[in-house]
Protein backbone atom coordinates (compact mmCIF):
# COMPACT_ATOMS: atom_id res chain seq x y z
CA MET A 1 3.41 -59.24 -91.14
CA LYS A 2 5.85 -61.90 -89.87
CA LYS A 3 5.56 -60.61 -86.30
CA THR A 4 1.76 -60.59 -86.50
CA ILE A 5 1.59 -64.19 -87.70
CA PHE A 6 4.07 -65.33 -85.04
CA PHE A 7 2.11 -63.53 -82.30
CA LEU A 8 -1.20 -65.03 -83.35
CA ILE A 9 0.18 -68.56 -83.52
CA ALA A 10 2.07 -68.22 -80.23
CA PHE A 11 -1.02 -66.86 -78.49
CA ALA A 12 -3.16 -69.69 -79.79
CA PHE A 13 -0.97 -72.36 -78.22
CA PHE A 14 -1.13 -71.01 -74.68
CA GLY A 15 -4.55 -72.70 -74.48
CA MET A 16 -5.92 -70.38 -71.85
CA ALA A 17 -4.79 -66.85 -71.08
CA LYS A 18 -6.11 -64.12 -68.85
CA ALA A 19 -6.13 -60.47 -69.83
CA GLN A 20 -8.04 -57.68 -68.15
CA ASN A 21 -10.12 -60.23 -66.19
CA ALA A 22 -11.29 -61.92 -69.40
CA ASN A 23 -10.91 -65.67 -69.77
CA PHE A 24 -9.69 -66.88 -73.13
CA THR A 25 -9.59 -70.41 -74.48
CA PHE A 26 -8.17 -71.70 -77.74
CA ASN A 27 -10.75 -71.78 -80.54
CA HIS A 28 -9.05 -72.34 -83.90
CA ILE A 29 -5.93 -71.99 -85.97
CA ALA A 30 -6.12 -70.58 -89.49
CA LEU A 31 -3.57 -71.36 -92.17
CA SER A 32 -3.12 -69.43 -95.39
CA VAL A 33 -2.92 -72.04 -98.18
CA LYS A 34 -2.10 -71.82 -101.87
CA ASN A 35 -4.17 -74.77 -103.10
CA LEU A 36 -7.28 -75.26 -100.97
CA GLU A 37 -8.25 -78.64 -102.41
CA GLN A 38 -4.73 -80.07 -102.01
CA SER A 39 -4.47 -78.87 -98.41
CA ALA A 40 -7.97 -80.08 -97.51
CA THR A 41 -7.19 -83.51 -98.95
CA PHE A 42 -3.94 -83.65 -96.96
CA TYR A 43 -5.64 -82.95 -93.61
CA LYS A 44 -8.51 -85.35 -94.39
CA GLU A 45 -6.31 -88.23 -95.55
CA VAL A 46 -3.25 -87.90 -93.31
CA PHE A 47 -4.92 -86.80 -90.06
CA GLN A 48 -8.45 -88.12 -90.74
CA LEU A 49 -9.87 -84.72 -89.77
CA GLN A 50 -13.60 -84.30 -90.26
CA GLU A 51 -14.65 -81.36 -92.40
CA ILE A 52 -17.23 -79.16 -90.69
CA THR A 53 -19.47 -76.33 -91.86
CA ASN A 54 -17.65 -73.17 -92.87
CA LYS A 55 -19.87 -70.75 -91.01
CA THR A 56 -18.49 -67.76 -92.92
CA LYS A 57 -20.11 -69.19 -96.07
CA MET A 58 -17.24 -67.60 -98.01
CA GLU A 59 -15.68 -69.37 -100.99
CA GLY A 60 -12.02 -70.28 -100.56
CA ILE A 61 -12.30 -71.30 -96.89
CA ARG A 62 -12.74 -74.78 -95.41
CA TRP A 63 -13.04 -75.76 -91.76
CA PHE A 64 -12.02 -79.00 -89.99
CA SER A 65 -12.66 -80.25 -86.47
CA LEU A 66 -9.71 -80.81 -84.15
CA GLY A 67 -12.05 -82.18 -81.48
CA GLU A 68 -13.28 -80.62 -78.24
CA GLY A 69 -14.65 -77.61 -80.12
CA LYS A 70 -11.25 -76.71 -81.61
CA GLU A 71 -10.93 -76.11 -85.34
CA LEU A 72 -8.49 -75.81 -88.22
CA HIS A 73 -9.41 -73.24 -90.88
CA LEU A 74 -7.77 -73.38 -94.31
CA ILE A 75 -7.95 -70.06 -96.13
CA SER A 76 -6.94 -69.53 -99.75
CA LEU A 77 -8.15 -65.94 -100.10
CA LEU A 78 -4.92 -64.04 -99.40
CA LYS A 79 -1.95 -64.34 -101.70
CA GLU A 80 0.65 -62.75 -99.42
CA PRO A 81 3.77 -64.87 -98.85
CA VAL A 82 4.12 -66.54 -95.46
CA THR A 83 7.54 -67.11 -93.87
CA ILE A 84 7.66 -70.54 -92.25
CA ASN A 85 10.13 -72.18 -89.87
CA LYS A 86 9.94 -75.21 -87.59
CA ALA A 87 9.72 -73.17 -84.39
CA VAL A 88 6.31 -71.90 -85.59
CA HIS A 89 4.26 -75.07 -85.62
CA PHE A 90 1.13 -76.58 -84.17
CA ALA A 91 1.07 -79.89 -82.34
CA LEU A 92 -1.41 -82.73 -82.43
CA THR A 93 -1.48 -85.60 -79.93
CA THR A 94 -2.47 -89.11 -80.92
CA THR A 95 -3.19 -92.15 -78.80
CA ASN A 96 -1.89 -94.30 -81.69
CA PHE A 97 1.52 -92.75 -82.26
CA GLU A 98 3.21 -95.83 -83.77
CA ALA A 99 0.24 -96.54 -86.06
CA PHE A 100 0.30 -92.93 -87.27
CA VAL A 101 4.03 -93.17 -88.09
CA LYS A 102 3.32 -96.36 -90.07
CA THR A 103 0.55 -94.52 -91.94
CA LEU A 104 3.00 -91.76 -92.90
CA GLU A 105 5.51 -94.32 -94.10
CA ALA A 106 2.86 -96.18 -96.13
CA LYS A 107 1.87 -92.87 -97.79
CA ASN A 108 5.55 -91.92 -98.34
CA ILE A 109 5.12 -88.75 -96.29
CA ARG A 110 8.40 -87.44 -94.94
CA TYR A 111 8.83 -86.81 -91.23
CA SER A 112 11.78 -86.13 -88.95
CA ASP A 113 12.86 -85.51 -85.40
CA TRP A 114 13.41 -81.95 -84.11
CA PRO A 115 16.98 -81.65 -85.50
CA GLY A 116 15.66 -82.77 -88.90
CA ILE A 117 16.96 -86.34 -89.23
CA PRO A 118 14.60 -88.03 -91.71
CA ASN A 119 12.38 -90.88 -90.47
CA LYS A 120 13.61 -90.50 -86.90
CA ILE A 121 11.39 -90.18 -83.82
CA ASN A 122 12.38 -87.58 -81.25
CA LEU A 123 12.25 -88.74 -77.62
CA ARG A 124 11.90 -85.91 -75.11
CA ALA A 125 13.48 -86.15 -71.67
CA ASP A 126 10.04 -86.90 -70.19
CA GLY A 127 9.54 -89.90 -72.50
CA ILE A 128 7.17 -88.23 -74.96
CA LYS A 129 7.67 -89.24 -78.60
CA GLN A 130 7.55 -86.53 -81.27
CA ILE A 131 7.84 -86.26 -85.03
CA TYR A 132 7.63 -83.26 -87.33
CA LEU A 133 6.20 -83.09 -90.82
CA GLN A 134 5.08 -80.40 -93.25
CA ASP A 135 1.78 -79.93 -95.01
CA PRO A 136 1.57 -79.04 -98.74
CA ASP A 137 2.16 -75.34 -97.94
CA GLY A 138 5.20 -76.05 -95.78
CA TYR A 139 3.54 -75.51 -92.39
CA TRP A 140 5.22 -77.53 -89.64
CA ILE A 141 3.12 -79.98 -87.65
CA GLU A 142 4.34 -81.80 -84.55
CA VAL A 143 2.67 -85.12 -83.76
CA ASN A 144 3.32 -86.43 -80.27
CA SER A 145 2.36 -89.12 -77.79
CA VAL A 146 1.46 -86.85 -74.85
CA GLY A 147 -0.75 -88.77 -72.46
CA ASN A 148 0.32 -92.22 -73.63
CA LYS A 149 4.15 -92.24 -73.63
């Protein structure tokens, strides 16, 4: 189970991959959540994600737009435990990095740099700023300034 989850997440972040002459592009990431309402509220309020139609029409699933046709699916149907660590994360880029950090601070949401120092911004060798935070289920999210150092 752990290997399957890691593979699916790793594959999703390659953006585009070629296999057997088929072109793949990233479509969505799905997260298994314990409390659907709490997780949905987190992604709406913290990241200002727009909720979109759950085309499965199944109860216990909510979809959010990540822009450019990419989606985040929150699924509360399975009750299997998920093992989480910081190396398995998804990353979002913002053009307003400093404003986003101020929003986190105003909402008392904890963030850190890669080593885990609280309220510290990581600066990569290429000048990109990064922070890491966790959602209500413990999933790691990187927020960075790619494209606007």
